[in-house]
C-alpha atoms as a PDB file:
ATOM      1  CA  MET A   1     180.803 122.644 114.563  1.00  0.00           C
ATOM      2  CA  ARG A   2     183.903 122.653 116.742  1.00  0.00           C
ATOM      3  CA  LEU A   3     181.980 124.235 119.622  1.00  0.00           C
ATOM      4  CA  ARG A   4     179.169 121.677 119.369  1.00  0.00           C
ATOM      5  CA  SER A   5     181.571 118.740 119.338  1.00  0.00           C
ATOM      6  CA  ALA A   6     183.354 120.166 122.375  1.00  0.00           C
ATOM      7  CA  ILE A   7     180.193 120.382 124.513  1.00  0.00           C
ATOM      8  CA  PRO A   8     180.319 116.786 125.837  1.00  0.00           C
ATOM      9  CA  THR A   9     183.998 117.168 126.723  1.00  0.00           C
ATOM     10  CA  LEU A  10     183.407 120.447 128.539  1.00  0.00           C
ATOM     11  CA  VAL A  11     180.516 118.935 130.478  1.00  0.00           C
ATOM     12  CA  PHE A  12     182.738 115.996 131.472  1.00  0.00           C
ATOM     13  CA  VAL A  13     185.528 118.311 132.667  1.00  0.00           C
ATOM     14  CA  PHE A  14     183.274 120.678 134.624  1.00  0.00           C
ATOM     15  CA  ALA A  15     181.322 117.831 136.212  1.00  0.00           C
ATOM     16  CA  SER A  16     184.533 116.052 137.231  1.00  0.00           C
ATOM     17  CA  ILE A  17     185.862 119.232 138.830  1.00  0.00           C
ATOM     18  CA  TRP A  18     182.533 119.755 140.589  1.00  0.00           C
ATOM     19  CA  LEU A  19     182.543 116.223 141.986  1.00  0.00           C
ATOM     20  CA  GLY A  20     186.121 116.710 143.128  1.00  0.00           C
ATOM     21  CA  LEU A  21     185.094 119.807 145.045  1.00  0.00           C
ATOM     22  CA  ILE A  22     182.446 117.779 146.860  1.00  0.00           C
ATOM     23  CA  ALA A  23     185.133 115.495 148.274  1.00  0.00           C
ATOM     24  CA  THR A  24     187.534 118.290 149.282  1.00  0.00           C
ATOM     25  CA  SER A  25     185.284 121.059 150.563  1.00  0.00           C
ATOM     26  CA  PRO A  26     185.592 121.586 154.365  1.00  0.00           C
ATOM     27  CA  ALA A  27     181.808 122.016 154.477  1.00  0.00           C
ATOM     28  CA  ARG A  28     181.527 118.462 153.192  1.00  0.00           C
ATOM     29  CA  ALA A  29     183.711 116.822 155.828  1.00  0.00           C
ATOM     30  CA  GLN A  30     181.125 114.148 156.600  1.00  0.00           C
ATOM     31  CA  VAL A  31     180.829 113.266 152.918  1.00  0.00           C
ATOM     32  CA  LYS A  32     184.620 113.154 152.632  1.00  0.00           C
ATOM     33  CA  ASP A  33     184.937 110.860 155.626  1.00  0.00           C
ATOM     34  CA  ALA A  34     182.331 108.503 154.207  1.00  0.00           C
ATOM     35  CA  LYS A  35     183.841 108.843 150.721  1.00  0.00           C
ATOM     36  CA  LEU A  36     180.308 109.271 149.443  1.00  0.00           C
ATOM     37  CA  PRO A  37     178.488 112.292 148.041  1.00  0.00           C
ATOM     38  CA  THR A  38     174.907 112.966 149.101  1.00  0.00           C
ATOM     39  CA  ALA A  39     171.944 111.630 147.144  1.00  0.00           C
ATOM     40  CA  GLU A  40     171.195 115.064 145.681  1.00  0.00           C
ATOM     41  CA  GLN A  41     174.811 115.518 144.623  1.00  0.00           C
ATOM     42  CA  VAL A  42     174.665 112.250 142.684  1.00  0.00           C
ATOM     43  CA  GLY A  43     171.329 113.213 141.137  1.00  0.00           C
ATOM     44  CA  GLU A  44     172.593 116.648 140.153  1.00  0.00           C
ATOM     45  CA  LEU A  45     175.794 115.139 138.735  1.00  0.00           C
ATOM     46  CA  VAL A  46     173.707 112.911 136.444  1.00  0.00           C
ATOM     47  CA  ILE A  47     171.742 115.963 135.286  1.00  0.00           C
ATOM     48  CA  ILE A  48     174.989 117.846 134.549  1.00  0.00           C
ATOM     49  CA  TYR A  49     176.327 114.987 132.434  1.00  0.00           C
ATOM     50  CA  PHE A  50     173.044 114.637 130.555  1.00  0.00           C
ATOM     51  CA  GLY A  51     173.141 118.294 129.545  1.00  0.00           C
ATOM     52  CA  GLN A  52     172.459 120.476 132.643  1.00  0.00           C
ATOM     53  CA  ARG A  53     168.981 121.333 133.901  1.00  0.00           C
ATOM     54  CA  PRO A  54     168.469 124.699 132.072  1.00  0.00           C
ATOM     55  CA  VAL A  55     169.589 123.150 128.762  1.00  0.00           C
ATOM     56  CA  LEU A  56     167.406 120.074 129.218  1.00  0.00           C
ATOM     57  CA  GLN A  57     164.401 122.233 130.085  1.00  0.00           C
ATOM     58  CA  GLN A  58     164.889 124.466 127.070  1.00  0.00           C
ATOM     59  CA  VAL A  59     165.998 121.972 124.423  1.00  0.00           C
ATOM     60  CA  ARG A  60     163.640 119.145 125.395  1.00  0.00           C
ATOM     61  CA  ARG A  61     160.489 121.205 125.790  1.00  0.00           C
ATOM     62  CA  THR A  62     159.107 119.520 122.665  1.00  0.00           C
ATOM     63  CA  GLY A  63     160.375 116.664 120.541  1.00  0.00           C
ATOM     64  CA  ILE A  64     159.816 113.837 118.084  1.00  0.00           C
ATOM     65  CA  GLU A  65     161.380 110.410 118.558  1.00  0.00           C
ATOM     66  CA  ARG A  66     161.190 107.663 115.940  1.00  0.00           C
ATOM     67  CA  GLY A  67     162.333 104.098 116.249  1.00  0.00           C
ATOM     68  CA  ALA A  68     161.484 100.410 116.483  1.00  0.00           C
ATOM     69  CA  ILE A  69     160.693  97.922 119.230  1.00  0.00           C
ATOM     70  CA  SER A  70     161.333  94.164 119.145  1.00  0.00           C
ATOM     71  CA  ARG A  71     158.888  92.526 121.533  1.00  0.00           C
ATOM     72  CA  ALA A  72     158.927  88.912 122.672  1.00  0.00           C
ATOM     73  CA  LYS A  73     155.714  86.954 121.981  1.00  0.00           C
ATOM     74  CA  GLU A  74     154.307  84.499 124.506  1.00  0.00           C
ATOM     75  CA  GLY A  75     154.452  81.617 122.036  1.00  0.00           C
ATOM     76  CA  GLY A  76     157.996  82.395 120.951  1.00  0.00           C
ATOM     77  CA  GLY A  77     159.480  84.711 118.351  1.00  0.00           C
ATOM     78  CA  THR A  78     159.197  88.497 118.314  1.00  0.00           C
ATOM     79  CA  ASP A  79     156.927  91.212 116.979  1.00  0.00           C
ATOM     80  CA  GLU A  80     158.545  94.164 115.234  1.00  0.00           C
ATOM     81  CA  ILE A  81     156.855  97.463 116.056  1.00  0.00           C
ATOM     82  CA  THR A  82     157.641 100.866 114.586  1.00  0.00           C
ATOM     83  CA  TYR A  83     156.712 103.967 116.541  1.00  0.00           C
ATOM     84  CA  GLU A  84     156.731 107.744 116.523  1.00  0.00           C
ATOM     85  CA  ARG A  85     156.590 109.565 119.853  1.00  0.00           C
ATOM     86  CA  ARG A  86     155.740 113.265 120.057  1.00  0.00           C
ATOM     87  CA  PHE A  87     155.704 115.257 123.274  1.00  0.00           C
ATOM     88  CA  MET A  88     155.198 118.694 124.799  1.00  0.00           C
ATOM     89  CA  ARG A  89     156.528 119.021 128.329  1.00  0.00           C
ATOM     90  CA  GLY A  90     154.668 120.665 131.178  1.00  0.00           C
ATOM     91  CA  ASP A  91     156.016 121.858 134.506  1.00  0.00           C
ATOM     92  CA  SER A  92     155.940 118.221 135.732  1.00  0.00           C
ATOM     93  CA  TRP A  93     155.388 114.839 134.071  1.00  0.00           C
ATOM     94  CA  ASP A  94     151.644 114.769 134.849  1.00  0.00           C
ATOM     95  CA  LYS A  95     151.268 118.023 132.899  1.00  0.00           C
ATOM     96  CA  ASP A  96     153.013 116.580 129.829  1.00  0.00           C
ATOM     97  CA  LYS A  97     151.322 115.934 126.508  1.00  0.00           C
ATOM     98  CA  ILE A  98     152.442 112.756 124.715  1.00  0.00           C
ATOM     99  CA  ARG A  99     151.334 111.011 121.555  1.00  0.00           C
ATOM    100  CA  VAL A 100     152.724 107.622 120.517  1.00  0.00           C
ATOM    101  CA  ASP A 101     151.771 106.272 117.085  1.00  0.00           C
ATOM    102  CA  GLN A 102     152.513 102.549 116.778  1.00  0.00           C
ATOM    103  CA  LYS A 103     152.388 100.122 113.878  1.00  0.00           C
ATOM    104  CA  THR A 104     152.435  96.409 114.659  1.00  0.00           C
ATOM    105  CA  PRO A 105     152.173  93.527 112.143  1.00  0.00           C
ATOM    106  CA  SER A 106     148.401  93.437 112.741  1.00  0.00           C
ATOM    107  CA  VAL A 107     147.222  96.899 113.769  1.00  0.00           C
ATOM    108  CA  GLU A 108     148.021 100.618 113.829  1.00  0.00           C
ATOM    109  CA  PHE A 109     146.917 102.764 116.748  1.00  0.00           C
ATOM    110  CA  SER A 110     147.827 105.829 118.805  1.00  0.00           C
ATOM    111  CA  LEU A 111     148.086 106.409 122.532  1.00  0.00           C
ATOM    112  CA  LEU A 112     147.526 109.938 123.820  1.00  0.00           C
ATOM    113  CA  PHE A 113     148.467 111.256 127.245  1.00  0.00           C
ATOM    114  CA  ASN A 114     147.131 114.730 127.977  1.00  0.00           C
ATOM    115  CA  GLU A 115     147.725 116.180 131.445  1.00  0.00           C
ATOM    116  CA  GLY A 116     147.080 112.995 133.386  1.00  0.00           C
ATOM    117  CA  ARG A 117     144.560 111.240 131.120  1.00  0.00           C
ATOM    118  CA  LEU A 118     145.442 108.344 128.799  1.00  0.00           C
ATOM    119  CA  SER A 119     143.306 107.411 125.795  1.00  0.00           C
ATOM    120  CA  GLY A 120     143.725 105.841 122.373  1.00  0.00           C
ATOM    121  CA  ILE A 121     142.704 106.153 118.734  1.00  0.00           C
ATOM    122  CA  ILE A 122     142.298 103.328 116.232  1.00  0.00           C
ATOM    123  CA  ASN A 123     140.893 103.840 112.730  1.00  0.00           C
ATOM    124  CA  GLY A 124     139.812 107.338 113.738  1.00  0.00           C
ATOM    125  CA  VAL A 125     137.762 106.049 116.692  1.00  0.00           C
ATOM    126  CA  SER A 126     138.641 106.705 120.334  1.00  0.00           C
ATOM    127  CA  PHE A 127     139.092 103.719 122.653  1.00  0.00           C
ATOM    128  CA  THR A 128     140.045 102.997 126.235  1.00  0.00           C
ATOM    129  CA  PRO A 129     143.376 101.118 126.348  1.00  0.00           C
ATOM    130  CA  ARG A 130     143.511  97.805 128.188  1.00  0.00           C
ATOM    131  CA  GLU A 131     144.812  97.913 131.755  1.00  0.00           C
ATOM    132  CA  ASP A 132     148.125  96.251 130.830  1.00  0.00           C
ATOM    133  CA  VAL A 133     148.657  98.766 128.014  1.00  0.00           C
ATOM    134  CA  GLN A 134     147.926 101.647 130.387  1.00  0.00           C
ATOM    135  CA  ASN A 135     150.274 100.264 133.041  1.00  0.00           C
ATOM    136  CA  GLU A 136     153.129  99.800 130.569  1.00  0.00           C
ATOM    137  CA  PHE A 137     152.673 103.306 129.158  1.00  0.00           C
ATOM    138  CA  LEU A 138     152.612 104.937 132.594  1.00  0.00           C
ATOM    139  CA  ASP A 139     155.541 102.823 133.800  1.00  0.00           C
ATOM    140  CA  SER A 140     157.615 104.277 130.978  1.00  0.00           C
ATOM    141  CA  ALA A 141     157.062 107.712 132.547  1.00  0.00           C
ATOM    142  CA  HIS A 142     157.270 106.765 136.229  1.00  0.00           C
ATOM    143  CA  HIS A 143     160.355 104.552 135.895  1.00  0.00           C
ATOM    144  CA  ASP A 144     162.791 106.012 133.396  1.00  0.00           C
ATOM    145  CA  VAL A 145     165.941 108.108 133.122  1.00  0.00           C
ATOM    146  CA  ASP A 146     163.730 111.124 132.487  1.00  0.00           C
ATOM    147  CA  ALA A 147     162.105 110.705 135.906  1.00  0.00           C
ATOM    148  CA  LEU A 148     165.538 111.149 137.498  1.00  0.00           C
ATOM    149  CA  LEU A 149     166.465 114.093 135.280  1.00  0.00           C
ATOM    150  CA  ARG A 150     163.225 115.834 136.376  1.00  0.00           C
ATOM    151  CA  TYR A 151     163.085 114.654 139.976  1.00  0.00           C
ATOM    152  CA  LYS A 152     162.846 118.151 141.444  1.00  0.00           C
ATOM    153  CA  GLU A 153     160.173 119.279 138.978  1.00  0.00           C
ATOM    154  CA  ASN A 154     158.173 116.143 139.838  1.00  0.00           C
ATOM    155  CA  GLN A 155     158.620 116.690 143.606  1.00  0.00           C
ATOM    156  CA  SER A 156     160.386 113.346 143.983  1.00  0.00           C
ATOM    157  CA  GLN A 157     162.891 112.453 146.686  1.00  0.00           C
ATOM    158  CA  VAL A 158     166.239 110.699 146.169  1.00  0.00           C
ATOM    159  CA  THR A 159     168.125 108.459 148.606  1.00  0.00           C
ATOM    160  CA  LEU A 160     171.681 107.211 148.175  1.00  0.00           C
ATOM    161  CA  ILE A 161     171.660 103.470 148.888  1.00  0.00           C
ATOM    162  CA  GLY A 162     175.413 103.144 148.523  1.00  0.00           C
ATOM    163  CA  ARG A 163     178.308 102.608 146.196  1.00  0.00           C
ATOM    164  CA  GLU A 164     179.470  99.238 144.903  1.00  0.00           C
ATOM    165  CA  LYS A 165     181.454  97.605 142.142  1.00  0.00           C
ATOM    166  CA  GLN A 166     179.976  95.049 139.735  1.00  0.00           C
ATOM    167  CA  LYS A 167     182.013  93.525 136.902  1.00  0.00           C
ATOM    168  CA  ASN A 168     184.726  96.144 137.552  1.00  0.00           C
ATOM    169  CA  ILE A 169     182.226  98.982 137.149  1.00  0.00           C
ATOM    170  CA  ASP A 170     182.079 101.428 140.053  1.00  0.00           C
ATOM    171  CA  MET A 171     178.487 102.504 140.617  1.00  0.00           C
ATOM    172  CA  TYR A 172     176.282 104.676 142.785  1.00  0.00           C
ATOM    173  CA  ILE A 173     172.923 103.171 143.691  1.00  0.00           C
ATOM    174  CA  LEU A 174     170.279 105.863 143.943  1.00  0.00           C
ATOM    175  CA  GLU A 175     166.643 105.300 144.875  1.00  0.00           C
ATOM    176  CA  LEU A 176     163.982 107.735 143.688  1.00  0.00           C
ATOM    177  CA  THR A 177     160.593 107.939 145.424  1.00  0.00           C
ATOM    178  CA  ASP A 178     157.951 110.002 143.660  1.00  0.00           C
ATOM    179  CA  LYS A 179     155.109 111.856 145.367  1.00  0.00           C
ATOM    180  CA  ASP A 180     152.838 108.808 144.916  1.00  0.00           C
ATOM    181  CA  GLN A 181     155.425 106.605 146.691  1.00  0.00           C
ATOM    182  CA  ARG A 182     156.517 104.725 143.569  1.00  0.00           C
ATOM    183  CA  ARG A 183     160.160 103.673 143.928  1.00  0.00           C
ATOM    184  CA  THR A 184     162.842 103.244 141.284  1.00  0.00           C
ATOM    185  CA  ARG A 185     166.422 102.184 141.959  1.00  0.00           C
ATOM    186  CA  TYR A 186     169.058 103.578 139.574  1.00  0.00           C
ATOM    187  CA  TYR A 187     172.520 102.088 139.021  1.00  0.00           C
ATOM    188  CA  ILE A 188     174.772 104.945 137.921  1.00  0.00           C
ATOM    189  CA  SER A 189     178.343 104.858 136.644  1.00  0.00           C
ATOM    190  CA  ALA A 190     180.510 106.635 139.211  1.00  0.00           C
ATOM    191  CA  GLN A 191     182.988 107.544 136.479  1.00  0.00           C
ATOM    192  CA  ARG A 192     180.671 108.855 133.763  1.00  0.00           C
ATOM    193  CA  ALA A 193     177.410 109.549 135.663  1.00  0.00           C
ATOM    194  CA  ARG A 194     175.368 107.605 133.130  1.00  0.00           C
ATOM    195  CA  VAL A 195     172.411 105.472 134.180  1.00  0.00           C
ATOM    196  CA  LEU A 196     173.447 101.900 133.395  1.00  0.00           C
ATOM    197  CA  TRP A 197     170.169 100.335 134.423  1.00  0.00           C
ATOM    198  CA  LEU A 198     167.214 100.758 136.751  1.00  0.00           C
ATOM    199  CA  GLU A 199     165.025  98.349 138.699  1.00  0.00           C
ATOM    200  CA  TYR A 200     161.542  98.500 140.182  1.00  0.00           C
ATOM    201  CA  ASP A 201     158.680  96.265 141.303  1.00  0.00           C
ATOM    202  CA  GLN A 202     155.583  96.224 139.119  1.00  0.00           C
ATOM    203  CA  PRO A 203     152.355  95.431 141.002  1.00  0.00           C
ATOM    204  CA  THR A 204     150.344  92.564 139.517  1.00  0.00           C
ATOM    205  CA  THR A 205     147.191  90.838 140.727  1.00  0.00           C
ATOM    206  CA  PRO A 206     146.448  91.608 144.422  1.00  0.00           C
ATOM    207  CA  GLY A 207     147.907  88.915 146.662  1.00  0.00           C
ATOM    208  CA  THR A 208     150.608  87.884 144.173  1.00  0.00           C
ATOM    209  CA  THR A 209     154.318  88.688 144.074  1.00  0.00           C
ATOM    210  CA  PRO A 210     155.130  91.893 142.122  1.00  0.00           C
ATOM    211  CA  ALA A 211     157.040  91.454 138.865  1.00  0.00           C
ATOM    212  CA  LYS A 212     160.709  92.474 138.972  1.00  0.00           C
ATOM    213  CA  ILE A 213     161.455  94.927 136.170  1.00  0.00           C
ATOM    214  CA  LYS A 214     164.956  95.788 134.988  1.00  0.00           C
ATOM    215  CA  ARG A 215     165.603  98.343 132.249  1.00  0.00           C
ATOM    216  CA  THR A 216     169.108  98.693 130.799  1.00  0.00           C
ATOM    217  CA  TYR A 217     170.446 101.662 128.808  1.00  0.00           C
ATOM    218  CA  HIS A 218     172.998 101.418 125.996  1.00  0.00           C
ATOM    219  CA  ASP A 219     174.542 103.263 123.043  1.00  0.00           C
ATOM    220  CA  TYR A 220     174.598 106.715 124.613  1.00  0.00           C
ATOM    221  CA  ALA A 221     175.187 109.625 122.247  1.00  0.00           C
ATOM    222  CA  TYR A 222     174.566 113.366 122.263  1.00  0.00           C
ATOM    223  CA  ALA A 223     171.545 114.867 120.488  1.00  0.00           C
ATOM    224  CA  GLN A 224     171.430 118.660 120.378  1.00  0.00           C
ATOM    225  CA  GLY A 225     173.798 118.886 123.349  1.00  0.00           C
ATOM    226  CA  THR A 226     171.876 116.421 125.542  1.00  0.00           C
ATOM    227  CA  LEU A 227     172.718 112.794 126.275  1.00  0.00           C
ATOM    228  CA  VAL A 228     170.396 110.087 124.893  1.00  0.00           C
ATOM    229  CA  PRO A 229     170.502 106.273 125.272  1.00  0.00           C
ATOM    230  CA  TYR A 230     169.677 104.991 121.782  1.00  0.00           C
ATOM    231  CA  ARG A 231     169.032 101.384 122.841  1.00  0.00           C
ATOM    232  CA  ILE A 232     166.894 100.366 125.827  1.00  0.00           C
ATOM    233  CA  VAL A 233     166.179  96.779 126.909  1.00  0.00           C
ATOM    234  CA  THR A 234     163.454  95.821 129.390  1.00  0.00           C
ATOM    235  CA  TYR A 235     163.423  92.561 131.375  1.00  0.00           C
ATOM    236  CA  VAL A 236     160.556  91.102 133.401  1.00  0.00           C
ATOM    237  CA  ASP A 237     161.540  88.595 136.089  1.00  0.00           C
ATOM    238  CA  GLY A 238     164.868  88.037 134.337  1.00  0.00           C
ATOM    239  CA  LYS A 239     163.427  87.472 130.840  1.00  0.00           C
ATOM    240  CA  GLN A 240     163.754  90.015 128.043  1.00  0.00           C
ATOM    241  CA  ARG A 241     160.402  91.573 127.190  1.00  0.00           C
ATOM    242  CA  ASP A 242     161.414  94.105 124.572  1.00  0.00           C
ATOM    243  CA  GLU A 243     164.267  96.060 123.019  1.00  0.00           C
ATOM    244  CA  LYS A 244     163.714  99.644 121.941  1.00  0.00           C
ATOM    245  CA  ARG A 245     165.990 101.199 119.316  1.00  0.00           C
ATOM    246  CA  ILE A 246     165.783 104.941 118.774  1.00  0.00           C
ATOM    247  CA  ARG A 247     166.594 105.819 115.172  1.00  0.00           C
ATOM    248  CA  THR A 248     166.165 109.586 115.239  1.00  0.00           C
ATOM    249  CA  VAL A 249     165.287 112.185 117.865  1.00  0.00           C
ATOM    250  CA  THR A 250     164.715 115.890 117.253  1.00  0.00           C
ATOM    251  CA  TYR A 251     164.023 118.441 119.974  1.00  0.00           C
ATOM    252  CA  GLY A 252     162.564 121.933 119.797  1.00  0.00           C
ATOM    253  CA  VAL A 253     159.963 121.071 117.161  1.00  0.00           C
ATOM    254  CA  LYS A 254     156.919 123.330 116.725  1.00  0.00           C
ATOM    255  CA  MET A 255     153.746 121.428 117.563  1.00  0.00           C
ATOM    256  CA  ASP A 256     150.007 121.950 117.511  1.00  0.00           C
ATOM    257  CA  GLU A 257     148.313 120.950 120.773  1.00  0.00           C
ATOM    258  CA  SER A 258     145.361 119.551 118.802  1.00  0.00           C
ATOM    259  CA  GLN A 259     147.372 116.427 117.893  1.00  0.00           C
ATOM    260  CA  PHE A 260     147.317 115.435 121.574  1.00  0.00           C
ATOM    261  CA  ARG A 261     143.529 115.678 121.875  1.00  0.00           C
ATOM    262  CA  ASN A 262     141.050 112.862 121.445  1.00  0.00           C
ATOM    263  CA  SER A 263     137.404 112.672 120.422  1.00  0.00           C
ATOM    264  CA  GLU A 264     134.727 111.809 122.962  1.00  0.00           C
ATOM    265  CA  THR A 265     133.515 108.693 121.122  1.00  0.00           C
ATOM    266  CA  VAL A 266     134.894 105.583 122.841  1.00  0.00           C
ATOM    267  CA  ALA A 267     134.992 102.179 121.206  1.00  0.00           C
ATOM    268  CA  GLU A 268     134.133  99.021 123.151  1.00  0.00           C
ATOM    269  CA  THR A 269     137.120  97.021 121.917  1.00  0.00           C
ATOM    270  CA  THR A 270     140.777  97.775 122.513  1.00  0.00           C
ATOM    271  CA  PRO A 271     143.916  96.508 120.717  1.00  0.00           C
END
């Protein structure tokens, strides 16, 4: 127990020493002069603080996450949704297998992502999710902390936009561009290397202005030696859309691939 509780502290110490070496190494004179690390150094620092790449790859190969989502309704008020998310990771995100079971006040259904294809199940019948449901599901993979933690596996590129201070918080601003040219801008604590929030543009109807999405991350804690934000809030054009609260997360769970498969029968209606 003592060793496990010491892991976050050791990571903090080693990462701080590593970042200090960046600023003092003669080979990094240009970085020292600019008082800025490179984009990859910031990205790798985040990965170290979140648990280090080999640990993340091993521990988070499979997992089950359970929680609740409060979602704003168009007419006012909120819907309370409970969910269970199961996953098996592939070599990159498009090779992942994901199943999300959701229960809303009016319906229960599942969304299944299997190596690039998204489908759904409701009352034992397969259906094709609506376009907005598909977009939101895929956005959660394309624009998330996980996309930064796996940027090399996903063949994404990172660019350091700069360093600034907001509300007395010193931050690095890092932009990630994936191989399909989707861009996400991460605001990262320079002191603790945690993602504070991210921003991206969400395409809407052709010819209209894209929606501005902001996703904030709170209540970080360690789960099996890896860092997890247990509360996530998403805003659309400055208005809160939903708040996700993770109740439990367990990694390294044995799973049967059949639970990520769908039948071939497709219903006409979608939830």
